[in-house]
Amino acid sequence: NTFHLIVKGNHLQHFINGVLMSDVTDNDTVNGKAKGMLGVQV
């Protein structure tokens, strides 16, 4: 499957196979982050 993450400011979009699956606008500046590390998980 393909994934495509579009992350701009506090707007976070997750696409799978070209289809938007979730869309978050994060106005929580205490817990949210504007930058950080990238990685994949087991």
PDB file of all heavy atoms in Angstrom:
ATOM      1  N   ASN A   1       0.855  -1.192   0.000  1.00  0.00           N
ATOM      2  CA  ASN A   1       0.000   0.000   0.000  1.00  0.00           C
ATOM      3  C   ASN A   1       0.887   1.236   0.000  1.00  0.00           C
ATOM      4  O   ASN A   1       2.011   1.203   0.507  1.00  0.00           O
ATOM      5  CB  ASN A   1      -0.869   0.046   1.266  1.00  0.00           C
ATOM      6  CG  ASN A   1      -1.829  -1.116   1.371  1.00  0.00           C
ATOM      7  OD1 ASN A   1      -2.945  -1.048   0.889  1.00  0.00           O
ATOM      8  ND2 ASN A   1      -1.395  -2.195   2.022  1.00  0.00           N
ATOM      9  N   THR A   2       0.384   2.331  -0.534  1.00  0.00           N
ATOM     10  CA  THR A   2       1.125   3.593  -0.457  1.00  0.00           C
ATOM     11  C   THR A   2       0.629   4.409   0.731  1.00  0.00           C
ATOM     12  O   THR A   2      -0.538   4.313   1.124  1.00  0.00           O
ATOM     13  CB  THR A   2       0.963   4.427  -1.739  1.00  0.00           C
ATOM     14  OG1 THR A   2      -0.399   4.871  -1.861  1.00  0.00           O
ATOM     15  CG2 THR A   2       1.371   3.642  -2.969  1.00  0.00           C
ATOM     16  N   PHE A   3       1.536   5.191   1.302  1.00  0.00           N
ATOM     17  CA  PHE A   3       1.149   6.182   2.311  1.00  0.00           C
ATOM     18  C   PHE A   3       1.668   7.543   1.880  1.00  0.00           C
ATOM     19  O   PHE A   3       2.649   7.657   1.142  1.00  0.00           O
ATOM     20  CB  PHE A   3       1.675   5.809   3.705  1.00  0.00           C
ATOM     21  CG  PHE A   3       3.175   5.959   3.858  1.00  0.00           C
ATOM     22  CD1 PHE A   3       3.749   7.180   4.186  1.00  0.00           C
ATOM     23  CD2 PHE A   3       4.016   4.867   3.659  1.00  0.00           C
ATOM     24  CE1 PHE A   3       5.124   7.318   4.315  1.00  0.00           C
ATOM     25  CE2 PHE A   3       5.394   4.993   3.775  1.00  0.00           C
ATOM     26  CZ  PHE A   3       5.944   6.229   4.110  1.00  0.00           C
ATOM     27  N   HIS A   4       1.000   8.588   2.332  1.00  0.00           N
ATOM     28  CA  HIS A   4       1.414   9.960   2.053  1.00  0.00           C
ATOM     29  C   HIS A   4       0.973  10.799   3.245  1.00  0.00           C
ATOM     30  O   HIS A   4      -0.237  10.921   3.517  1.00  0.00           O
ATOM     31  CB  HIS A   4       0.752  10.454   0.767  1.00  0.00           C
ATOM     32  CG  HIS A   4       1.251  11.781   0.281  1.00  0.00           C
ATOM     33  ND1 HIS A   4       0.773  12.385  -0.864  1.00  0.00           N
ATOM     34  CD2 HIS A   4       2.195  12.633   0.772  1.00  0.00           C
ATOM     35  CE1 HIS A   4       1.391  13.537  -1.047  1.00  0.00           C
ATOM     36  NE2 HIS A   4       2.254  13.703  -0.065  1.00  0.00           N
ATOM     37  N   LEU A   5       1.932  11.327   3.971  1.00  0.00           N
ATOM     38  CA  LEU A   5       1.649  12.213   5.108  1.00  0.00           C
ATOM     39  C   LEU A   5       1.900  13.643   4.668  1.00  0.00           C
ATOM     40  O   LEU A   5       2.965  13.946   4.110  1.00  0.00           O
ATOM     41  CB  LEU A   5       2.537  11.879   6.305  1.00  0.00           C
ATOM     42  CG  LEU A   5       2.638  10.411   6.727  1.00  0.00           C
ATOM     43  CD1 LEU A   5       3.481  10.294   7.992  1.00  0.00           C
ATOM     44  CD2 LEU A   5       1.276   9.789   6.919  1.00  0.00           C
ATOM     45  N   ILE A   6       0.929  14.517   4.907  1.00  0.00           N
ATOM     46  CA  ILE A   6       1.093  15.942   4.631  1.00  0.00           C
ATOM     47  C   ILE A   6       0.944  16.679   5.956  1.00  0.00           C
ATOM     48  O   ILE A   6      -0.128  16.666   6.577  1.00  0.00           O
ATOM     49  CB  ILE A   6       0.067  16.448   3.597  1.00  0.00           C
ATOM     50  CG1 ILE A   6       0.217  15.673   2.278  1.00  0.00           C
ATOM     51  CG2 ILE A   6       0.263  17.943   3.345  1.00  0.00           C
ATOM     52  CD1 ILE A   6      -0.781  16.083   1.204  1.00  0.00           C
ATOM     53  N   VAL A   7       2.043  17.290   6.407  1.00  0.00           N
ATOM     54  CA  VAL A   7       2.117  17.901   7.726  1.00  0.00           C
ATOM     55  C   VAL A   7       2.555  19.349   7.556  1.00  0.00           C
ATOM     56  O   VAL A   7       3.709  19.624   7.212  1.00  0.00           O
ATOM     57  CB  VAL A   7       3.108  17.118   8.622  1.00  0.00           C
ATOM     58  CG1 VAL A   7       3.245  17.773   9.978  1.00  0.00           C
ATOM     59  CG2 VAL A   7       2.653  15.664   8.765  1.00  0.00           C
ATOM     60  N   LYS A   8       1.620  20.271   7.752  1.00  0.00           N
ATOM     61  CA  LYS A   8       1.899  21.697   7.583  1.00  0.00           C
ATOM     62  C   LYS A   8       1.338  22.456   8.774  1.00  0.00           C
ATOM     63  O   LYS A   8       0.126  22.414   9.027  1.00  0.00           O
ATOM     64  CB  LYS A   8       1.260  22.229   6.297  1.00  0.00           C
ATOM     65  CG  LYS A   8       1.779  21.604   5.015  1.00  0.00           C
ATOM     66  CD  LYS A   8       1.062  22.173   3.798  1.00  0.00           C
ATOM     67  CE  LYS A   8       1.546  21.533   2.505  1.00  0.00           C
ATOM     68  NZ  LYS A   8       0.820  22.057   1.320  1.00  0.00           N
ATOM     69  N   GLY A   9       2.222  23.131   9.505  1.00  0.00           N
ATOM     70  CA  GLY A   9       1.761  23.847  10.695  1.00  0.00           C
ATOM     71  C   GLY A   9       1.113  22.867  11.659  1.00  0.00           C
ATOM     72  O   GLY A   9       1.692  21.838  12.000  1.00  0.00           O
ATOM     73  N   ASN A  10      -0.119  23.165  12.063  1.00  0.00           N
ATOM     74  CA  ASN A  10      -0.812  22.266  12.990  1.00  0.00           C
ATOM     75  C   ASN A  10      -1.831  21.380  12.273  1.00  0.00           C
ATOM     76  O   ASN A  10      -2.732  20.816  12.895  1.00  0.00           O
ATOM     77  CB  ASN A  10      -1.501  23.065  14.098  1.00  0.00           C
ATOM     78  CG  ASN A  10      -2.615  23.961  13.573  1.00  0.00           C
ATOM     79  OD1 ASN A  10      -2.723  24.211  12.377  1.00  0.00           O
ATOM     80  ND2 ASN A  10      -3.439  24.463  14.479  1.00  0.00           N
ATOM     81  N   HIS A  11      -1.683  21.250  10.958  1.00  0.00           N
ATOM     82  CA  HIS A  11      -2.612  20.460  10.145  1.00  0.00           C
ATOM     83  C   HIS A  11      -1.921  19.169   9.716  1.00  0.00           C
ATOM     84  O   HIS A  11      -0.895  19.212   9.030  1.00  0.00           O
ATOM     85  CB  HIS A  11      -3.062  21.274   8.931  1.00  0.00           C
ATOM     86  CG  HIS A  11      -4.221  20.683   8.199  1.00  0.00           C
ATOM     87  ND1 HIS A  11      -4.523  21.017   6.894  1.00  0.00           N
ATOM     88  CD2 HIS A  11      -5.163  19.767   8.575  1.00  0.00           C
ATOM     89  CE1 HIS A  11      -5.599  20.345   6.513  1.00  0.00           C
ATOM     90  NE2 HIS A  11      -5.997  19.573   7.504  1.00  0.00           N
ATOM     91  N   LEU A  12      -2.494  18.024  10.112  1.00  0.00           N
ATOM     92  CA  LEU A  12      -1.857  16.728   9.934  1.00  0.00           C
ATOM     93  C   LEU A  12      -2.801  15.818   9.148  1.00  0.00           C
ATOM     94  O   LEU A  12      -3.896  15.482   9.618  1.00  0.00           O
ATOM     95  CB  LEU A  12      -1.566  16.086  11.297  1.00  0.00           C
ATOM     96  CG  LEU A  12      -1.042  17.027  12.403  1.00  0.00           C
ATOM     97  CD1 LEU A  12      -1.021  16.310  13.743  1.00  0.00           C
ATOM     98  CD2 LEU A  12       0.325  17.574  12.045  1.00  0.00           C
ATOM     99  N   GLN A  13      -2.380  15.401   7.950  1.00  0.00           N
ATOM    100  CA  GLN A  13      -3.231  14.573   7.095  1.00  0.00           C
ATOM    101  C   GLN A  13      -2.524  13.271   6.748  1.00  0.00           C
ATOM    102  O   GLN A  13      -1.352  13.271   6.367  1.00  0.00           O
ATOM    103  CB  GLN A  13      -3.586  15.318   5.809  1.00  0.00           C
ATOM    104  CG  GLN A  13      -4.446  16.561   6.021  1.00  0.00           C
ATOM    105  CD  GLN A  13      -4.738  17.260   4.706  1.00  0.00           C
ATOM    106  OE1 GLN A  13      -3.809  17.667   4.000  1.00  0.00           O
ATOM    107  NE2 GLN A  13      -6.015  17.395   4.366  1.00  0.00           N
ATOM    108  N   HIS A  14      -3.259  12.161   6.855  1.00  0.00           N
ATOM    109  CA  HIS A  14      -2.740  10.830   6.548  1.00  0.00           C
ATOM    110  C   HIS A  14      -3.521  10.243   5.375  1.00  0.00           C
ATOM    111  O   HIS A  14      -4.740  10.048   5.479  1.00  0.00           O
ATOM    112  CB  HIS A  14      -2.899   9.893   7.748  1.00  0.00           C
ATOM    113  CG  HIS A  14      -2.160  10.318   8.972  1.00  0.00           C
ATOM    114  ND1 HIS A  14      -2.331   9.708  10.203  1.00  0.00           N
ATOM    115  CD2 HIS A  14      -1.233  11.296   9.172  1.00  0.00           C
ATOM    116  CE1 HIS A  14      -1.545  10.280  11.100  1.00  0.00           C
ATOM    117  NE2 HIS A  14      -0.874  11.253  10.492  1.00  0.00           N
ATOM    118  N   PHE A  15      -2.825   9.939   4.276  1.00  0.00           N
ATOM    119  CA  PHE A  15      -3.436   9.318   3.105  1.00  0.00           C
ATOM    120  C   PHE A  15      -2.903   7.890   2.956  1.00  0.00           C
ATOM    121  O   PHE A  15      -1.713   7.639   3.133  1.00  0.00           O
ATOM    122  CB  PHE A  15      -3.073  10.072   1.824  1.00  0.00           C
ATOM    123  CG  PHE A  15      -3.622  11.475   1.730  1.00  0.00           C
ATOM    124  CD1 PHE A  15      -3.006  12.539   2.381  1.00  0.00           C
ATOM    125  CD2 PHE A  15      -4.745  11.740   0.962  1.00  0.00           C
ATOM    126  CE1 PHE A  15      -3.493  13.833   2.284  1.00  0.00           C
ATOM    127  CE2 PHE A  15      -5.245  13.035   0.849  1.00  0.00           C
ATOM    128  CZ  PHE A  15      -4.619  14.079   1.512  1.00  0.00           C
ATOM    129  N   ILE A  16      -3.788   6.951   2.617  1.00  0.00           N
ATOM    130  CA  ILE A  16      -3.402   5.589   2.252  1.00  0.00           C
ATOM    131  C   ILE A  16      -3.957   5.312   0.854  1.00  0.00           C
ATOM    132  O   ILE A  16      -5.149   5.509   0.606  1.00  0.00           O
ATOM    133  CB  ILE A  16      -3.946   4.537   3.242  1.00  0.00           C
ATOM    134  CG1 ILE A  16      -3.497   4.843   4.679  1.00  0.00           C
ATOM    135  CG2 ILE A  16      -3.516   3.131   2.822  1.00  0.00           C
ATOM    136  CD1 ILE A  16      -2.021   4.687   4.946  1.00  0.00           C
ATOM    137  N   ASN A  17      -3.081   4.872  -0.037  1.00  0.00           N
ATOM    138  CA  ASN A  17      -3.479   4.608  -1.430  1.00  0.00           C
ATOM    139  C   ASN A  17      -4.240   5.785  -2.046  1.00  0.00           C
ATOM    140  O   ASN A  17      -5.225   5.611  -2.788  1.00  0.00           O
ATOM    141  CB  ASN A  17      -4.302   3.318  -1.510  1.00  0.00           C
ATOM    142  CG  ASN A  17      -3.483   2.093  -1.152  1.00  0.00           C
ATOM    143  OD1 ASN A  17      -2.287   2.032  -1.432  1.00  0.00           O
ATOM    144  ND2 ASN A  17      -4.108   1.114  -0.508  1.00  0.00           N
ATOM    145  N   GLY A  18      -3.761   6.994  -1.724  1.00  0.00           N
ATOM    146  CA  GLY A  18      -4.326   8.208  -2.293  1.00  0.00           C
ATOM    147  C   GLY A  18      -5.611   8.685  -1.649  1.00  0.00           C
ATOM    148  O   GLY A  18      -6.182   9.701  -2.084  1.00  0.00           O
ATOM    149  N   VAL A  19      -6.088   8.002  -0.616  1.00  0.00           N
ATOM    150  CA  VAL A  19      -7.356   8.339   0.036  1.00  0.00           C
ATOM    151  C   VAL A  19      -7.079   8.944   1.407  1.00  0.00           C
ATOM    152  O   VAL A  19      -6.336   8.358   2.207  1.00  0.00           O
ATOM    153  CB  VAL A  19      -8.250   7.099   0.173  1.00  0.00           C
ATOM    154  CG1 VAL A  19      -9.562   7.452   0.873  1.00  0.00           C
ATOM    155  CG2 VAL A  19      -8.517   6.473  -1.190  1.00  0.00           C
ATOM    156  N   LEU A  20      -7.671  10.104   1.699  1.00  0.00           N
ATOM    157  CA  LEU A  20      -7.481  10.754   2.998  1.00  0.00           C
ATOM    158  C   LEU A  20      -8.198   9.946   4.074  1.00  0.00           C
ATOM    159  O   LEU A  20      -9.412   9.746   4.010  1.00  0.00           O
ATOM    160  CB  LEU A  20      -8.028  12.184   2.950  1.00  0.00           C
ATOM    161  CG  LEU A  20      -7.872  13.024   4.230  1.00  0.00           C
ATOM    162  CD1 LEU A  20      -6.411  13.154   4.639  1.00  0.00           C
ATOM    163  CD2 LEU A  20      -8.503  14.404   4.038  1.00  0.00           C
ATOM    164  N   MET A  21      -7.433   9.484   5.077  1.00  0.00           N
ATOM    165  CA  MET A  21      -7.963   8.607   6.116  1.00  0.00           C
ATOM    166  C   MET A  21      -8.221   9.329   7.436  1.00  0.00           C
ATOM    167  O   MET A  21      -9.116   8.945   8.190  1.00  0.00           O
ATOM    168  CB  MET A  21      -6.985   7.448   6.360  1.00  0.00           C
ATOM    169  CG  MET A  21      -6.769   6.557   5.149  1.00  0.00           C
ATOM    170  SD  MET A  21      -8.155   5.417   4.943  1.00  0.00           S
ATOM    171  CE  MET A  21      -7.809   4.708   3.326  1.00  0.00           C
ATOM    172  N   SER A  22      -7.429  10.342   7.737  1.00  0.00           N
ATOM    173  CA  SER A  22      -7.641  11.127   8.954  1.00  0.00           C
ATOM    174  C   SER A  22      -7.079  12.521   8.734  1.00  0.00           C
ATOM    175  O   SER A  22      -6.144  12.722   7.951  1.00  0.00           O
ATOM    176  CB  SER A  22      -7.000  10.470  10.184  1.00  0.00           C
ATOM    177  OG  SER A  22      -5.589  10.412  10.057  1.00  0.00           O
ATOM    178  N   ASP A  23      -7.678  13.490   9.451  1.00  0.00           N
ATOM    179  CA  ASP A  23      -7.331  14.900   9.258  1.00  0.00           C
ATOM    180  C   ASP A  23      -7.435  15.592  10.615  1.00  0.00           C
ATOM    181  O   ASP A  23      -8.524  15.683  11.192  1.00  0.00           O
ATOM    182  CB  ASP A  23      -8.310  15.521   8.253  1.00  0.00           C
ATOM    183  CG  ASP A  23      -7.951  16.935   7.838  1.00  0.00           C
ATOM    184  OD1 ASP A  23      -7.703  17.770   8.735  1.00  0.00           O
ATOM    185  OD2 ASP A  23      -7.938  17.210   6.632  1.00  0.00           O
ATOM    186  N   VAL A  24      -6.299  16.043  11.143  1.00  0.00           N
ATOM    187  CA  VAL A  24      -6.255  16.638  12.479  1.00  0.00           C
ATOM    188  C   VAL A  24      -5.747  18.074  12.394  1.00  0.00           C
ATOM    189  O   VAL A  24      -4.741  18.357  11.747  1.00  0.00           O
ATOM    190  CB  VAL A  24      -5.322  15.831  13.414  1.00  0.00           C
ATOM    191  CG1 VAL A  24      -5.130  16.540  14.759  1.00  0.00           C
ATOM    192  CG2 VAL A  24      -5.849  14.421  13.627  1.00  0.00           C
ATOM    193  N   THR A  25      -6.451  18.965  13.070  1.00  0.00           N
ATOM    194  CA  THR A  25      -5.952  20.317  13.326  1.00  0.00           C
ATOM    195  C   THR A  25      -5.666  20.395  14.816  1.00  0.00           C
ATOM    196  O   THR A  25      -6.583  20.304  15.639  1.00  0.00           O
ATOM    197  CB  THR A  25      -6.982  21.385  12.919  1.00  0.00           C
ATOM    198  OG1 THR A  25      -7.240  21.266  11.510  1.00  0.00           O
ATOM    199  CG2 THR A  25      -6.453  22.786  13.209  1.00  0.00           C
ATOM    200  N   ASP A  26      -4.389  20.520  15.164  1.00  0.00           N
ATOM    201  CA  ASP A  26      -3.965  20.439  16.558  1.00  0.00           C
ATOM    202  C   ASP A  26      -3.661  21.834  17.107  1.00  0.00           C
ATOM    203  O   ASP A  26      -2.608  22.412  16.830  1.00  0.00           O
ATOM    204  CB  ASP A  26      -2.736  19.539  16.678  1.00  0.00           C
ATOM    205  CG  ASP A  26      -2.404  19.189  18.119  1.00  0.00           C
ATOM    206  OD1 ASP A  26      -3.100  19.679  19.033  1.00  0.00           O
ATOM    207  OD2 ASP A  26      -1.446  18.423  18.331  1.00  0.00           O
ATOM    208  N   ASN A  27      -4.581  22.353  17.908  1.00  0.00           N
ATOM    209  CA  ASN A  27      -4.398  23.666  18.523  1.00  0.00           C
ATOM    210  C   ASN A  27      -3.795  23.584  19.918  1.00  0.00           C
ATOM    211  O   ASN A  27      -3.714  24.597  20.619  1.00  0.00           O
ATOM    212  CB  ASN A  27      -5.749  24.405  18.594  1.00  0.00           C
ATOM    213  CG  ASN A  27      -6.299  24.742  17.222  1.00  0.00           C
ATOM    214  OD1 ASN A  27      -5.544  25.099  16.322  1.00  0.00           O
ATOM    215  ND2 ASN A  27      -7.604  24.624  17.047  1.00  0.00           N
ATOM    216  N   ASP A  28      -3.360  22.403  20.313  1.00  0.00           N
ATOM    217  CA  ASP A  28      -2.751  22.185  21.626  1.00  0.00           C
ATOM    218  C   ASP A  28      -1.243  22.412  21.518  1.00  0.00           C
ATOM    219  O   ASP A  28      -0.486  21.514  21.142  1.00  0.00           O
ATOM    220  CB  ASP A  28      -3.063  20.754  22.081  1.00  0.00           C
ATOM    221  CG  ASP A  28      -2.470  20.400  23.438  1.00  0.00           C
ATOM    222  OD1 ASP A  28      -1.713  21.210  23.994  1.00  0.00           O
ATOM    223  OD2 ASP A  28      -2.768  19.292  23.916  1.00  0.00           O
ATOM    224  N   THR A  29      -0.821  23.612  21.846  1.00  0.00           N
ATOM    225  CA  THR A  29       0.600  23.950  21.732  1.00  0.00           C
ATOM    226  C   THR A  29       1.424  23.426  22.909  1.00  0.00           C
ATOM    227  O   THR A  29       2.650  23.428  22.860  1.00  0.00           O
ATOM    228  CB  THR A  29       0.794  25.471  21.625  1.00  0.00           C
ATOM    229  OG1 THR A  29       0.198  26.094  22.763  1.00  0.00           O
ATOM    230  CG2 THR A  29       0.145  26.009  20.353  1.00  0.00           C
ATOM    231  N   VAL A  30       0.753  22.961  23.964  1.00  0.00           N
ATOM    232  CA  VAL A  30       1.463  22.396  25.115  1.00  0.00           C
ATOM    233  C   VAL A  30       1.942  20.979  24.789  1.00  0.00           C
ATOM    234  O   VAL A  30       3.106  20.631  25.002  1.00  0.00           O
ATOM    235  CB  VAL A  30       0.567  22.384  26.371  1.00  0.00           C
ATOM    236  CG1 VAL A  30       1.275  21.669  27.530  1.00  0.00           C
ATOM    237  CG2 VAL A  30       0.199  23.810  26.770  1.00  0.00           C
ATOM    238  N   ASN A  31       1.056  20.170  24.252  1.00  0.00           N
ATOM    239  CA  ASN A  31       1.382  18.770  23.978  1.00  0.00           C
ATOM    240  C   ASN A  31       1.804  18.513  22.535  1.00  0.00           C
ATOM    241  O   ASN A  31       2.553  17.583  22.266  1.00  0.00           O
ATOM    242  CB  ASN A  31       0.177  17.894  24.328  1.00  0.00           C
ATOM    243  CG  ASN A  31      -0.120  17.897  25.804  1.00  0.00           C
ATOM    244  OD1 ASN A  31       0.714  17.521  26.607  1.00  0.00           O
ATOM    245  ND2 ASN A  31      -1.312  18.355  26.174  1.00  0.00           N
ATOM    246  N   GLY A  32       1.311  19.305  21.607  1.00  0.00           N
ATOM    247  CA  GLY A  32       1.691  19.144  20.214  1.00  0.00           C
ATOM    248  C   GLY A  32       3.117  19.614  19.966  1.00  0.00           C
ATOM    249  O   GLY A  32       3.702  20.333  20.777  1.00  0.00           O
ATOM    250  N   LYS A  33       3.682  19.197  18.847  1.00  0.00           N
ATOM    251  CA  LYS A  33       5.048  19.598  18.505  1.00  0.00           C
ATOM    252  C   LYS A  33       5.104  20.119  17.081  1.00  0.00           C
ATOM    253  O   LYS A  33       4.408  19.624  16.190  1.00  0.00           O
ATOM    254  CB  LYS A  33       6.014  18.421  18.650  1.00  0.00           C
ATOM    255  CG  LYS A  33       6.351  18.075  20.097  1.00  0.00           C
ATOM    256  CD  LYS A  33       7.660  17.311  20.166  1.00  0.00           C
ATOM    257  CE  LYS A  33       8.840  18.187  19.788  1.00  0.00           C
ATOM    258  NZ  LYS A  33      10.119  17.461  19.781  1.00  0.00           N
ATOM    259  N   ALA A  34       5.976  21.107  16.879  1.00  0.00           N
ATOM    260  CA  ALA A  34       6.120  21.714  15.553  1.00  0.00           C
ATOM    261  C   ALA A  34       7.204  21.048  14.722  1.00  0.00           C
ATOM    262  O   ALA A  34       7.283  21.272  13.512  1.00  0.00           O
ATOM    263  CB  ALA A  34       6.421  23.208  15.694  1.00  0.00           C
ATOM    264  N   LYS A  35       8.050  20.239  15.349  1.00  0.00           N
ATOM    265  CA  LYS A  35       9.086  19.504  14.624  1.00  0.00           C
ATOM    266  C   LYS A  35       9.539  18.343  15.490  1.00  0.00           C
ATOM    267  O   LYS A  35       9.242  18.290  16.690  1.00  0.00           O
ATOM    268  CB  LYS A  35      10.273  20.399  14.272  1.00  0.00           C
ATOM    269  CG  LYS A  35      11.079  20.861  15.475  1.00  0.00           C
ATOM    270  CD  LYS A  35      12.305  21.638  15.026  1.00  0.00           C
ATOM    271  CE  LYS A  35      13.181  22.005  16.232  1.00  0.00           C
ATOM    272  NZ  LYS A  35      14.439  22.683  15.811  1.00  0.00           N
ATOM    273  N   GLY A  36      10.278  17.413  14.887  1.00  0.00           N
ATOM    274  CA  GLY A  36      10.780  16.298  15.677  1.00  0.00           C
ATOM    275  C   GLY A  36      11.243  15.150  14.809  1.00  0.00           C
ATOM    276  O   GLY A  36      11.315  15.242  13.585  1.00  0.00           O
ATOM    277  N   MET A  37      11.551  14.059  15.463  1.00  0.00           N
ATOM    278  CA  MET A  37      12.153  12.903  14.793  1.00  0.00           C
ATOM    279  C   MET A  37      11.127  12.104  14.004  1.00  0.00           C
ATOM    280  O   MET A  37       9.927  12.122  14.280  1.00  0.00           O
ATOM    281  CB  MET A  37      12.835  12.008  15.818  1.00  0.00           C
ATOM    282  CG  MET A  37      14.048  12.638  16.453  1.00  0.00           C
ATOM    283  SD  MET A  37      14.866  11.520  17.610  1.00  0.00           S
ATOM    284  CE  MET A  37      16.376  12.443  17.924  1.00  0.00           C
ATOM    285  N   LEU A  38      11.665  11.356  13.036  1.00  0.00           N
ATOM    286  CA  LEU A  38      10.885  10.520  12.135  1.00  0.00           C
ATOM    287  C   LEU A  38      11.362   9.083  12.306  1.00  0.00           C
ATOM    288  O   LEU A  38      12.567   8.836  12.374  1.00  0.00           O
ATOM    289  CB  LEU A  38      11.115  10.994  10.708  1.00  0.00           C
ATOM    290  CG  LEU A  38      10.330  10.389   9.557  1.00  0.00           C
ATOM    291  CD1 LEU A  38       8.872  10.807   9.626  1.00  0.00           C
ATOM    292  CD2 LEU A  38      10.942  10.857   8.233  1.00  0.00           C
ATOM    293  N   GLY A  39      10.430   8.143  12.382  1.00  0.00           N
ATOM    294  CA  GLY A  39      10.829   6.746  12.506  1.00  0.00           C
ATOM    295  C   GLY A  39       9.663   5.817  12.263  1.00  0.00           C
ATOM    296  O   GLY A  39       8.513   6.242  12.180  1.00  0.00           O
ATOM    297  N   VAL A  40       9.961   4.512  12.135  1.00  0.00           N
ATOM    298  CA  VAL A  40       8.915   3.506  11.952  1.00  0.00           C
ATOM    299  C   VAL A  40       9.062   2.436  13.033  1.00  0.00           C
ATOM    300  O   VAL A  40      10.133   2.230  13.580  1.00  0.00           O
ATOM    301  CB  VAL A  40       8.931   2.893  10.540  1.00  0.00           C
ATOM    302  CG1 VAL A  40       8.545   3.942   9.519  1.00  0.00           C
ATOM    303  CG2 VAL A  40      10.278   2.293  10.188  1.00  0.00           C
ATOM    304  N   GLN A  41       7.958   1.745  13.304  1.00  0.00           N
ATOM    305  CA  GLN A  41       7.812   0.966  14.527  1.00  0.00           C
ATOM    306  C   GLN A  41       7.557  -0.523  14.291  1.00  0.00           C
ATOM    307  O   GLN A  41       6.907  -0.909  13.324  1.00  0.00           O
ATOM    308  CB  GLN A  41       6.618   1.556  15.301  1.00  0.00           C
ATOM    309  CG  GLN A  41       6.212   0.842  16.567  1.00  0.00           C
ATOM    310  CD  GLN A  41       4.811   1.243  17.000  1.00  0.00           C
ATOM    311  OE1 GLN A  41       3.832   0.958  16.325  1.00  0.00           O
ATOM    312  NE2 GLN A  41       4.726   1.933  18.115  1.00  0.00           N
ATOM    313  N   VAL A  42       8.082  -1.341  15.210  1.00  0.00           N
ATOM    314  CA  VAL A  42       7.545  -2.678  15.453  1.00  0.00           C
ATOM    315  C   VAL A  42       6.951  -2.643  16.866  1.00  0.00           C
ATOM    316  O   VAL A  42       7.538  -2.082  17.788  1.00  0.00           O
ATOM    317  CB  VAL A  42       8.591  -3.810  15.326  1.00  0.00           C
ATOM    318  CG1 VAL A  42       8.859  -4.119  13.868  1.00  0.00           C
ATOM    319  CG2 VAL A  42       9.889  -3.490  16.054  1.00  0.00           C
TER     320      VAL A  42
END
